[in-house]
C-alpha atoms as a PDB file:
ATOM      1  CA  MET A   1     116.045 231.550 172.110  1.00  0.00           C
ATOM      2  CA  PRO A   2     114.452 228.275 170.320  1.00  0.00           C
ATOM      3  CA  THR A   3     110.507 228.068 170.044  1.00  0.00           C
ATOM      4  CA  VAL A   4     110.022 224.388 170.641  1.00  0.00           C
ATOM      5  CA  LEU A   5     106.254 224.541 169.903  1.00  0.00           C
ATOM      6  CA  ARG A   6     103.544 226.931 168.510  1.00  0.00           C
ATOM      7  CA  LEU A   7      99.721 227.261 170.669  1.00  0.00           C
ATOM      8  CA  GLY A   8      97.904 229.376 168.343  1.00  0.00           C
ATOM      9  CA  GLY A   9      99.854 233.221 168.479  1.00  0.00           C
ATOM     10  CA  LEU A  10     101.926 231.826 170.918  1.00  0.00           C
ATOM     11  CA  ARG A  11     105.781 230.207 171.201  1.00  0.00           C
ATOM     12  CA  VAL A  12     106.705 228.089 173.536  1.00  0.00           C
ATOM     13  CA  VAL A  13     110.511 229.211 174.215  1.00  0.00           C
ATOM     14  CA  ILE A  14     113.244 227.046 175.796  1.00  0.00           C
ATOM     15  CA  TYR A  15     116.186 229.315 176.312  1.00  0.00           C
ATOM     16  CA  PRO A  16     119.253 227.080 176.108  1.00  0.00           C
ATOM     17  CA  ASN A  17     121.150 229.367 179.047  1.00  0.00           C
ATOM     18  CA  ASP A  18     118.457 228.690 181.595  1.00  0.00           C
ATOM     19  CA  HIS A  19     118.222 226.595 184.777  1.00  0.00           C
ATOM     20  CA  ARG A  20     116.642 223.451 186.041  1.00  0.00           C
ATOM     21  CA  PRO A  21     114.052 222.524 186.744  1.00  0.00           C
ATOM     22  CA  ALA A  22     112.835 221.753 183.642  1.00  0.00           C
ATOM     23  CA  HIS A  23     110.210 224.989 182.460  1.00  0.00           C
ATOM     24  CA  VAL A  24     108.955 226.816 179.331  1.00  0.00           C
ATOM     25  CA  HIS A  25     108.387 230.610 178.611  1.00  0.00           C
ATOM     26  CA  ILE A  26     105.313 231.327 176.837  1.00  0.00           C
ATOM     27  CA  LYS A  27     105.172 234.516 174.660  1.00  0.00           C
ATOM     28  CA  GLY A  28     102.637 236.146 173.114  1.00  0.00           C
ATOM     29  CA  ALA A  29     100.837 239.487 172.693  1.00  0.00           C
ATOM     30  CA  GLU A  30      98.756 239.150 175.633  1.00  0.00           C
ATOM     31  CA  GLY A  31     101.826 238.978 177.917  1.00  0.00           C
ATOM     32  CA  GLU A  32     104.222 235.905 178.979  1.00  0.00           C
ATOM     33  CA  ALA A  33     104.249 233.196 181.480  1.00  0.00           C
ATOM     34  CA  VAL A  34     106.222 230.669 182.950  1.00  0.00           C
ATOM     35  CA  PHE A  35     105.741 226.916 183.613  1.00  0.00           C
ATOM     36  CA  ILE A  36     107.397 224.055 185.460  1.00  0.00           C
ATOM     37  CA  LEU A  37     106.860 221.105 183.446  1.00  0.00           C
ATOM     38  CA  HIS A  38     107.563 218.422 186.414  1.00  0.00           C
ATOM     39  CA  CYS A  39     109.229 216.030 183.664  1.00  0.00           C
ATOM     40  CA  PRO A  40     108.614 213.300 183.090  1.00  0.00           C
ATOM     41  CA  ALA A  41     105.417 212.906 184.435  1.00  0.00           C
ATOM     42  CA  GLY A  42     103.913 216.358 184.750  1.00  0.00           C
ATOM     43  CA  PRO A  43     101.532 217.903 184.830  1.00  0.00           C
ATOM     44  CA  PRO A  44     102.943 221.144 184.512  1.00  0.00           C
ATOM     45  CA  GLU A  45     102.530 223.981 186.783  1.00  0.00           C
ATOM     46  CA  LEU A  46     102.539 227.828 186.282  1.00  0.00           C
ATOM     47  CA  ARG A  47     105.522 229.353 188.339  1.00  0.00           C
ATOM     48  CA  GLU A  48     104.142 233.132 187.166  1.00  0.00           C
ATOM     49  CA  SER A  49     102.052 234.950 184.468  1.00  0.00           C
ATOM     50  CA  TYR A  50     102.097 238.802 182.882  1.00  0.00           C
ATOM     51  CA  GLY A  51      98.948 239.756 181.060  1.00  0.00           C
ATOM     52  CA  PHE A  52      97.393 236.376 180.380  1.00  0.00           C
ATOM     53  CA  ARG A  53      93.551 235.590 181.995  1.00  0.00           C
ATOM     54  CA  LEU A  54      92.890 232.792 183.729  1.00  0.00           C
ATOM     55  CA  VAL A  55      91.069 231.512 181.474  1.00  0.00           C
ATOM     56  CA  ASP A  56      93.889 231.838 179.145  1.00  0.00           C
ATOM     57  CA  ILE A  57      96.147 230.191 181.502  1.00  0.00           C
ATOM     58  CA  GLY A  58      94.545 227.205 181.842  1.00  0.00           C
ATOM     59  CA  ARG A  59      94.261 226.386 177.955  1.00  0.00           C
ATOM     60  CA  ILE A  60      97.814 227.069 177.824  1.00  0.00           C
ATOM     61  CA  GLU A  61      98.248 224.659 180.845  1.00  0.00           C
ATOM     62  CA  GLY A  62      96.215 221.889 179.330  1.00  0.00           C
ATOM     63  CA  ALA A  63      98.069 222.464 176.269  1.00  0.00           C
ATOM     64  CA  LEU A  64     101.196 221.886 177.588  1.00  0.00           C
ATOM     65  CA  ASN A  65     100.173 218.295 179.180  1.00  0.00           C
ATOM     66  CA  ASP A  66      98.870 217.638 176.019  1.00  0.00           C
ATOM     67  CA  ASN A  67     102.343 217.845 174.699  1.00  0.00           C
ATOM     68  CA  LEU A  68     104.430 217.056 177.559  1.00  0.00           C
ATOM     69  CA  ALA A  69     106.435 214.410 176.506  1.00  0.00           C
ATOM     70  CA  VAL A  70     107.760 216.160 173.492  1.00  0.00           C
ATOM     71  CA  LEU A  71     108.598 219.582 175.475  1.00  0.00           C
ATOM     72  CA  CYS A  72     110.784 217.189 178.246  1.00  0.00           C
ATOM     73  CA  ALA A  73     112.477 216.010 175.534  1.00  0.00           C
ATOM     74  CA  GLN A  74     113.258 218.934 173.659  1.00  0.00           C
ATOM     75  CA  TRP A  75     114.540 220.393 177.481  1.00  0.00           C
ATOM     76  CA  SER A  76     116.670 217.272 178.195  1.00  0.00           C
ATOM     77  CA  ALA A  77     118.020 217.815 173.812  1.00  0.00           C
ATOM     78  CA  VAL A  78     119.384 221.289 175.205  1.00  0.00           C
ATOM     79  CA  HIS A  79     120.001 221.042 178.798  1.00  0.00           C
ATOM     80  CA  GLY A  80     120.256 216.963 179.676  1.00  0.00           C
ATOM     81  CA  ASP A  81     118.566 216.072 183.191  1.00  0.00           C
ATOM     82  CA  TYR A  82     115.873 217.618 183.846  1.00  0.00           C
END
């Protein structure tokens, strides 16, 4: 599973054999979350989360939005269209 971005102690992952729509998996010791990216314009939207606190989700969402262009380009490089 390729890590495409690190957010502190969290890994942002795009699975090569995953499905559309474009989304990322956030993995950390606290839990795991999945955000739909809504490429290319965003904003990222939480699909599901396990273990993260609400404050963590907000921080993650903001960081994903700040890196949206990179994440959408990474998704496109692995999967083609969004």
